[in-house]
C-alpha atoms as a PDB file:
ATOM      1  CA  MET A   1     -14.448 -35.966  26.965  1.00  0.00           C
ATOM      2  CA  ILE A   2     -13.761 -36.595  23.249  1.00  0.00           C
ATOM      3  CA  LEU A   3     -17.079 -34.983  22.288  1.00  0.00           C
ATOM      4  CA  SER A   4     -16.339 -31.911  24.407  1.00  0.00           C
ATOM      5  CA  THR A   5     -12.971 -31.483  22.701  1.00  0.00           C
ATOM      6  CA  ILE A   6     -14.518 -31.774  19.233  1.00  0.00           C
ATOM      7  CA  LEU A   7     -17.152 -29.145  20.043  1.00  0.00           C
ATOM      8  CA  LEU A   8     -14.464 -26.776  21.316  1.00  0.00           C
ATOM      9  CA  LEU A   9     -12.298 -26.920  18.179  1.00  0.00           C
ATOM     10  CA  PRO A  10     -14.503 -24.624  16.003  1.00  0.00           C
ATOM     11  CA  LEU A  11     -14.441 -21.981  18.738  1.00  0.00           C
ATOM     12  CA  LEU A  12     -10.651 -22.018  18.806  1.00  0.00           C
ATOM     13  CA  THR A  13     -10.476 -21.855  15.024  1.00  0.00           C
ATOM     14  CA  ASP A  14     -12.877 -18.911  14.754  1.00  0.00           C
ATOM     15  CA  ALA A  15     -11.147 -16.841  17.425  1.00  0.00           C
ATOM     16  CA  SER A  16      -9.448 -13.936  15.639  1.00  0.00           C
ATOM     17  CA  PRO A  17      -5.991 -12.782  16.774  1.00  0.00           C
ATOM     18  CA  LEU A  18      -5.707  -9.464  18.547  1.00  0.00           C
ATOM     19  CA  SER A  19      -5.018  -6.628  16.123  1.00  0.00           C
ATOM     20  CA  PRO A  20      -1.865  -4.610  16.842  1.00  0.00           C
ATOM     21  CA  ARG A  21      -2.531  -1.191  18.318  1.00  0.00           C
ATOM     22  CA  ALA A  22      -2.009   1.611  15.797  1.00  0.00           C
ATOM     23  CA  CYS A  23       0.544   4.192  16.900  1.00  0.00           C
ATOM     24  CA  LYS A  24      -0.274   7.896  16.934  1.00  0.00           C
ATOM     25  CA  THR A  25       1.956  10.543  15.386  1.00  0.00           C
ATOM     26  CA  ALA A  26       2.550  14.207  16.193  1.00  0.00           C
ATOM     27  CA  TYR A  27       4.549  16.713  14.158  1.00  0.00           C
ATOM     28  CA  PRO A  28       6.286  19.866  15.399  1.00  0.00           C
ATOM     29  CA  THR A  29       3.921  22.712  16.221  1.00  0.00           C
ATOM     30  CA  PHE A  30       6.768  25.201  16.525  1.00  0.00           C
ATOM     31  CA  THR A  31      10.101  25.420  14.677  1.00  0.00           C
ATOM     32  CA  THR A  32      12.606  28.263  14.579  1.00  0.00           C
ATOM     33  CA  THR A  33      16.257  28.622  13.615  1.00  0.00           C
ATOM     34  CA  LEU A  34      18.920  30.455  15.631  1.00  0.00           C
ATOM     35  CA  ASP A  35      21.983  32.057  14.016  1.00  0.00           C
ATOM     36  CA  SER A  36      25.053  32.731  16.150  1.00  0.00           C
ATOM     37  CA  THR A  37      26.194  35.504  13.785  1.00  0.00           C
ATOM     38  CA  GLN A  38      22.827  37.292  14.137  1.00  0.00           C
ATOM     39  CA  PRO A  39      22.166  36.680  17.830  1.00  0.00           C
ATOM     40  CA  ASN A  40      19.222  39.076  18.135  1.00  0.00           C
ATOM     41  CA  GLN A  41      17.370  38.064  14.979  1.00  0.00           C
ATOM     42  CA  VAL A  42      13.959  36.387  15.157  1.00  0.00           C
ATOM     43  CA  SER A  43      14.050  33.998  12.222  1.00  0.00           C
ATOM     44  CA  ASN A  44      10.321  33.348  12.054  1.00  0.00           C
ATOM     45  CA  PRO A  45       7.866  35.175  14.336  1.00  0.00           C
ATOM     46  CA  GLN A  46       5.124  32.714  13.356  1.00  0.00           C
ATOM     47  CA  GLY A  47       7.208  29.828  14.656  1.00  0.00           C
ATOM     48  CA  ASN A  48       6.306  27.618  11.693  1.00  0.00           C
ATOM     49  CA  ASN A  49       9.595  27.649   9.806  1.00  0.00           C
ATOM     50  CA  PRO A  50       9.757  24.384   7.820  1.00  0.00           C
ATOM     51  CA  ALA A  51      13.559  24.397   7.779  1.00  0.00           C
ATOM     52  CA  SER A  52      15.733  22.556  10.285  1.00  0.00           C
ATOM     53  CA  PHE A  53      19.417  23.447  10.557  1.00  0.00           C
ATOM     54  CA  GLY A  54      22.053  21.944  12.796  1.00  0.00           C
ATOM     55  CA  VAL A  55      25.164  23.267  11.077  1.00  0.00           C
ATOM     56  CA  HIS A  56      28.571  24.703  11.866  1.00  0.00           C
ATOM     57  CA  ASN A  57      31.126  26.451   9.678  1.00  0.00           C
ATOM     58  CA  GLY A  58      34.039  28.011  11.514  1.00  0.00           C
ATOM     59  CA  THR A  59      32.613  30.690  13.801  1.00  0.00           C
ATOM     60  CA  LYS A  60      29.065  30.449  12.399  1.00  0.00           C
ATOM     61  CA  ALA A  61      26.549  28.065  13.925  1.00  0.00           C
ATOM     62  CA  ILE A  62      22.868  27.636  13.132  1.00  0.00           C
ATOM     63  CA  ASP A  63      20.715  25.651  15.543  1.00  0.00           C
ATOM     64  CA  THR A  64      17.039  24.756  15.371  1.00  0.00           C
ATOM     65  CA  ILE A  65      14.537  24.589  18.198  1.00  0.00           C
ATOM     66  CA  PHE A  66      11.370  22.577  17.669  1.00  0.00           C
ATOM     67  CA  GLN A  67       8.570  21.493  19.969  1.00  0.00           C
ATOM     68  CA  PHE A  68       5.586  19.143  20.036  1.00  0.00           C
ATOM     69  CA  ASN A  69       2.208  19.395  21.746  1.00  0.00           C
ATOM     70  CA  ILE A  70       1.261  15.956  23.052  1.00  0.00           C
ATOM     71  CA  PRO A  71      -2.264  15.032  24.250  1.00  0.00           C
ATOM     72  CA  ALA A  72      -2.711  14.383  27.960  1.00  0.00           C
ATOM     73  CA  GLY A  73      -2.560  10.732  28.934  1.00  0.00           C
ATOM     74  CA  SER A  74      -0.220   9.761  26.102  1.00  0.00           C
ATOM     75  CA  TYR A  75       2.591   7.312  26.737  1.00  0.00           C
ATOM     76  CA  GLY A  76       5.775   5.998  25.126  1.00  0.00           C
ATOM     77  CA  CYS A  77       6.894   9.112  23.219  1.00  0.00           C
ATOM     78  CA  GLN A  78       9.583   8.298  20.654  1.00  0.00           C
ATOM     79  CA  LEU A  79      11.296  11.051  18.657  1.00  0.00           C
ATOM     80  CA  GLU A  80      12.091  10.070  15.075  1.00  0.00           C
ATOM     81  CA  LEU A  81      13.635  11.648  11.996  1.00  0.00           C
ATOM     82  CA  PHE A  82      12.242  10.098   8.823  1.00  0.00           C
ATOM     83  CA  PHE A  83      12.401  10.522   5.064  1.00  0.00           C
ATOM     84  CA  ASP A  84      10.148   8.709   2.591  1.00  0.00           C
ATOM     85  CA  PRO A  85      11.456   7.180  -0.638  1.00  0.00           C
ATOM     86  CA  GLY A  86      11.761  10.026  -3.135  1.00  0.00           C
ATOM     87  CA  TYR A  87      12.402  12.726  -0.511  1.00  0.00           C
ATOM     88  CA  TYR A  88      15.258  14.988  -1.630  1.00  0.00           C
ATOM     89  CA  TRP A  89      14.970  18.229   0.401  1.00  0.00           C
ATOM     90  CA  ILE A  90      17.981  17.422   2.559  1.00  0.00           C
ATOM     91  CA  TYR A  91      21.325  19.082   1.914  1.00  0.00           C
ATOM     92  CA  PRO A  92      24.955  18.741   3.029  1.00  0.00           C
ATOM     93  CA  TYR A  93      26.502  21.813   4.635  1.00  0.00           C
ATOM     94  CA  PRO A  94      28.447  23.668   3.398  1.00  0.00           C
ATOM     95  CA  VAL A  95      30.007  21.127   1.007  1.00  0.00           C
ATOM     96  CA  SER A  96      29.160  17.553   0.077  1.00  0.00           C
ATOM     97  CA  TRP A  97      32.169  16.012   1.798  1.00  0.00           C
ATOM     98  CA  ALA A  98      31.393  17.539   5.207  1.00  0.00           C
ATOM     99  CA  PRO A  99      29.994  15.341   8.010  1.00  0.00           C
ATOM    100  CA  HIS A 100      26.243  14.975   7.555  1.00  0.00           C
ATOM    101  CA  ARG A 101      25.006  14.562  11.126  1.00  0.00           C
ATOM    102  CA  ALA A 102      23.850  16.532  14.162  1.00  0.00           C
ATOM    103  CA  ASP A 103      22.886  16.083  17.808  1.00  0.00           C
ATOM    104  CA  ILE A 104      19.536  16.584  19.521  1.00  0.00           C
ATOM    105  CA  HIS A 105      19.364  18.035  23.034  1.00  0.00           C
ATOM    106  CA  THR A 106      16.380  18.255  25.344  1.00  0.00           C
ATOM    107  CA  LEU A 107      15.081  21.615  26.540  1.00  0.00           C
ATOM    108  CA  THR A 108      13.643  22.078  30.004  1.00  0.00           C
ATOM    109  CA  LEU A 109      10.340  23.955  29.927  1.00  0.00           C
ATOM    110  CA  PRO A 110       9.139  25.062  33.385  1.00  0.00           C
ATOM    111  CA  ASN A 111       5.567  23.855  33.927  1.00  0.00           C
ATOM    112  CA  SER A 112       5.523  22.670  30.288  1.00  0.00           C
ATOM    113  CA  THR A 113       5.175  26.281  29.135  1.00  0.00           C
ATOM    114  CA  PRO A 114       5.321  26.511  25.312  1.00  0.00           C
ATOM    115  CA  LEU A 115       8.222  28.439  23.829  1.00  0.00           C
ATOM    116  CA  PRO A 116       7.571  31.993  22.594  1.00  0.00           C
ATOM    117  CA  ALA A 117       7.817  32.633  18.856  1.00  0.00           C
ATOM    118  CA  THR A 118      10.241  35.521  19.449  1.00  0.00           C
ATOM    119  CA  LEU A 119      13.240  33.364  20.319  1.00  0.00           C
ATOM    120  CA  THR A 120      16.694  34.508  19.269  1.00  0.00           C
ATOM    121  CA  TRP A 121      20.149  33.028  19.743  1.00  0.00           C
ATOM    122  CA  ASN A 122      20.550  35.186  22.850  1.00  0.00           C
ATOM    123  CA  THR A 123      17.153  34.446  24.413  1.00  0.00           C
ATOM    124  CA  ALA A 124      16.687  30.781  23.521  1.00  0.00           C
ATOM    125  CA  PRO A 125      17.029  28.139  26.230  1.00  0.00           C
ATOM    126  CA  ALA A 126      20.474  26.581  26.308  1.00  0.00           C
ATOM    127  CA  ALA A 127      20.824  23.053  25.022  1.00  0.00           C
ATOM    128  CA  GLY A 128      20.124  20.578  27.799  1.00  0.00           C
ATOM    129  CA  PRO A 129      21.340  16.984  28.070  1.00  0.00           C
ATOM    130  CA  LEU A 130      22.136  15.113  24.874  1.00  0.00           C
ATOM    131  CA  PHE A 131      18.979  13.219  23.881  1.00  0.00           C
ATOM    132  CA  GLY A 132      20.291  11.491  20.774  1.00  0.00           C
ATOM    133  CA  THR A 133      21.899  11.920  17.380  1.00  0.00           C
ATOM    134  CA  THR A 134      20.903  11.665  13.750  1.00  0.00           C
ATOM    135  CA  GLY A 135      23.984   9.604  13.022  1.00  0.00           C
ATOM    136  CA  GLU A 136      25.608  10.057   9.625  1.00  0.00           C
ATOM    137  CA  LEU A 137      22.716  10.579   7.213  1.00  0.00           C
ATOM    138  CA  PRO A 138      22.953   9.157   3.693  1.00  0.00           C
ATOM    139  CA  LYS A 139      23.326  11.663   0.875  1.00  0.00           C
ATOM    140  CA  VAL A 140      20.454  11.891  -1.587  1.00  0.00           C
ATOM    141  CA  PRO A 141      21.387  10.963  -5.182  1.00  0.00           C
ATOM    142  CA  ASP A 142      20.792  14.416  -6.736  1.00  0.00           C
ATOM    143  CA  ASN A 143      19.023  17.341  -5.053  1.00  0.00           C
ATOM    144  CA  SER A 144      19.236  19.615  -8.082  1.00  0.00           C
ATOM    145  CA  ALA A 145      17.468  17.085 -10.292  1.00  0.00           C
ATOM    146  CA  GLY A 146      14.867  16.192  -7.684  1.00  0.00           C
ATOM    147  CA  ILE A 147      16.172  12.650  -7.325  1.00  0.00           C
ATOM    148  CA  GLY A 148      15.607  11.538  -3.746  1.00  0.00           C
ATOM    149  CA  TYR A 149      16.211   8.542  -1.561  1.00  0.00           C
ATOM    150  CA  LYS A 150      15.556   5.171  -3.149  1.00  0.00           C
ATOM    151  CA  GLU A 151      14.539   3.668   0.177  1.00  0.00           C
ATOM    152  CA  ALA A 152      12.978   5.051   3.337  1.00  0.00           C
ATOM    153  CA  VAL A 153      15.376   6.488   5.908  1.00  0.00           C
ATOM    154  CA  LYS A 154      14.468   6.503   9.601  1.00  0.00           C
ATOM    155  CA  ARG A 155      16.451   7.457  12.674  1.00  0.00           C
ATOM    156  CA  VAL A 156      14.996   6.685  16.097  1.00  0.00           C
ATOM    157  CA  ILE A 157      16.524   9.465  18.193  1.00  0.00           C
ATOM    158  CA  ASN A 158      15.349   8.330  21.632  1.00  0.00           C
ATOM    159  CA  SER A 159      12.289   7.715  23.798  1.00  0.00           C
ATOM    160  CA  ALA A 160      10.998   9.630  26.795  1.00  0.00           C
ATOM    161  CA  THR A 161       8.036   9.989  29.110  1.00  0.00           C
ATOM    162  CA  CYS A 162       5.355  11.974  27.302  1.00  0.00           C
ATOM    163  CA  GLN A 163       4.718  15.541  28.432  1.00  0.00           C
ATOM    164  CA  SER A 164       2.192  18.081  27.188  1.00  0.00           C
ATOM    165  CA  VAL A 165       4.988  20.125  25.580  1.00  0.00           C
ATOM    166  CA  MET A 166       8.259  18.514  24.473  1.00  0.00           C
ATOM    167  CA  ALA A 167      11.034  20.672  23.016  1.00  0.00           C
ATOM    168  CA  TYR A 168      14.466  20.005  21.551  1.00  0.00           C
ATOM    169  CA  ARG A 169      17.471  21.856  20.176  1.00  0.00           C
ATOM    170  CA  LEU A 170      19.260  20.557  17.089  1.00  0.00           C
ATOM    171  CA  LYS A 171      22.948  21.452  16.891  1.00  0.00           C
ATOM    172  CA  THR A 172      26.171  20.063  15.505  1.00  0.00           C
ATOM    173  CA  ALA A 173      28.311  17.775  17.603  1.00  0.00           C
ATOM    174  CA  PRO A 174      31.319  19.477  19.256  1.00  0.00           C
ATOM    175  CA  GLU A 175      33.785  17.583  17.075  1.00  0.00           C
ATOM    176  CA  VAL A 176      32.179  18.794  13.809  1.00  0.00           C
ATOM    177  CA  VAL A 177      34.043  21.966  12.811  1.00  0.00           C
ATOM    178  CA  VAL A 178      32.479  22.169   9.345  1.00  0.00           C
ATOM    179  CA  GLY A 179      29.302  20.298   8.512  1.00  0.00           C
ATOM    180  CA  GLY A 180      25.896  19.408   9.831  1.00  0.00           C
ATOM    181  CA  VAL A 181      22.345  18.751   8.710  1.00  0.00           C
ATOM    182  CA  GLN A 182      19.806  20.914   6.903  1.00  0.00           C
ATOM    183  CA  PHE A 183      16.436  19.727   5.617  1.00  0.00           C
ATOM    184  CA  TYR A 184      12.823  20.802   5.216  1.00  0.00           C
ATOM    185  CA  GLN A 185       9.836  19.573   7.208  1.00  0.00           C
ATOM    186  CA  TYR A 186       7.517  18.202   4.529  1.00  0.00           C
ATOM    187  CA  THR A 187       4.758  16.470   6.488  1.00  0.00           C
ATOM    188  CA  PRO A 188       1.001  15.929   6.031  1.00  0.00           C
ATOM    189  CA  ASP A 189       0.056  18.338   8.825  1.00  0.00           C
ATOM    190  CA  LYS A 190       1.479  21.181   6.719  1.00  0.00           C
ATOM    191  CA  GLY A 191      -0.519  20.136   3.661  1.00  0.00           C
ATOM    192  CA  TYR A 192       2.391  18.720   1.686  1.00  0.00           C
ATOM    193  CA  ALA A 193       1.954  15.781  -0.652  1.00  0.00           C
ATOM    194  CA  GLN A 194       4.227  12.777  -0.430  1.00  0.00           C
ATOM    195  CA  PRO A 195       7.095  12.115  -0.221  1.00  0.00           C
ATOM    196  CA  TRP A 196       7.183  13.258   3.388  1.00  0.00           C
ATOM    197  CA  GLY A 197      10.090  13.797   5.715  1.00  0.00           C
ATOM    198  CA  GLY A 198      11.230  15.507   8.894  1.00  0.00           C
ATOM    199  CA  TRP A 199      10.611  15.230  12.622  1.00  0.00           C
ATOM    200  CA  ARG A 200       7.792  13.265  14.169  1.00  0.00           C
ATOM    201  CA  MET A 201       6.836  12.021  17.624  1.00  0.00           C
ATOM    202  CA  VAL A 202       5.349   8.536  17.718  1.00  0.00           C
ATOM    203  CA  TYR A 203       3.382   7.554  20.821  1.00  0.00           C
ATOM    204  CA  ASP A 204       0.630   5.314  22.241  1.00  0.00           C
ATOM    205  CA  CYS A 205       1.984   2.236  20.457  1.00  0.00           C
END
């Protein structure tokens, strides 16, 4: 019995631990802004607008609709907003003291049909249930001087069952009369160099 135990020890020592599964990441394939004061305007017919606005100023509101294409068979989809250290393309609206946050609502897409690039304020799907919030985002040190975040910023918005097309509407919370969030989607899929920032969907973790 002692000999058997001794012979087994090298096998236990050499056994390597299981490596953690690497998550996969998707970035928005469609982004467009909607302006309540120009309700029939198509902001970007190509649907690749890098800007995201969820702002409100009196009677003017600007929302953003964005969607992801997720591979079939994926699981554990988690929507995140992230900004790398050094990222500075995020701005308060319309003044620095205004609340710097916005809400994210799900959009129902019949049969997972992708959104058309001709959306306007009047034709866009209404905001569905509240999916999550950005929370109050930290201000960057100095946008004008290109001085960005010193540390990475990440907001896990929420998780959901993966679907082939997943769409959301960014808008200010009802209690925010003046304020909101505006930033630019600088991510590797668009060919930008680091620092990166914006929306991403993490899945298959």
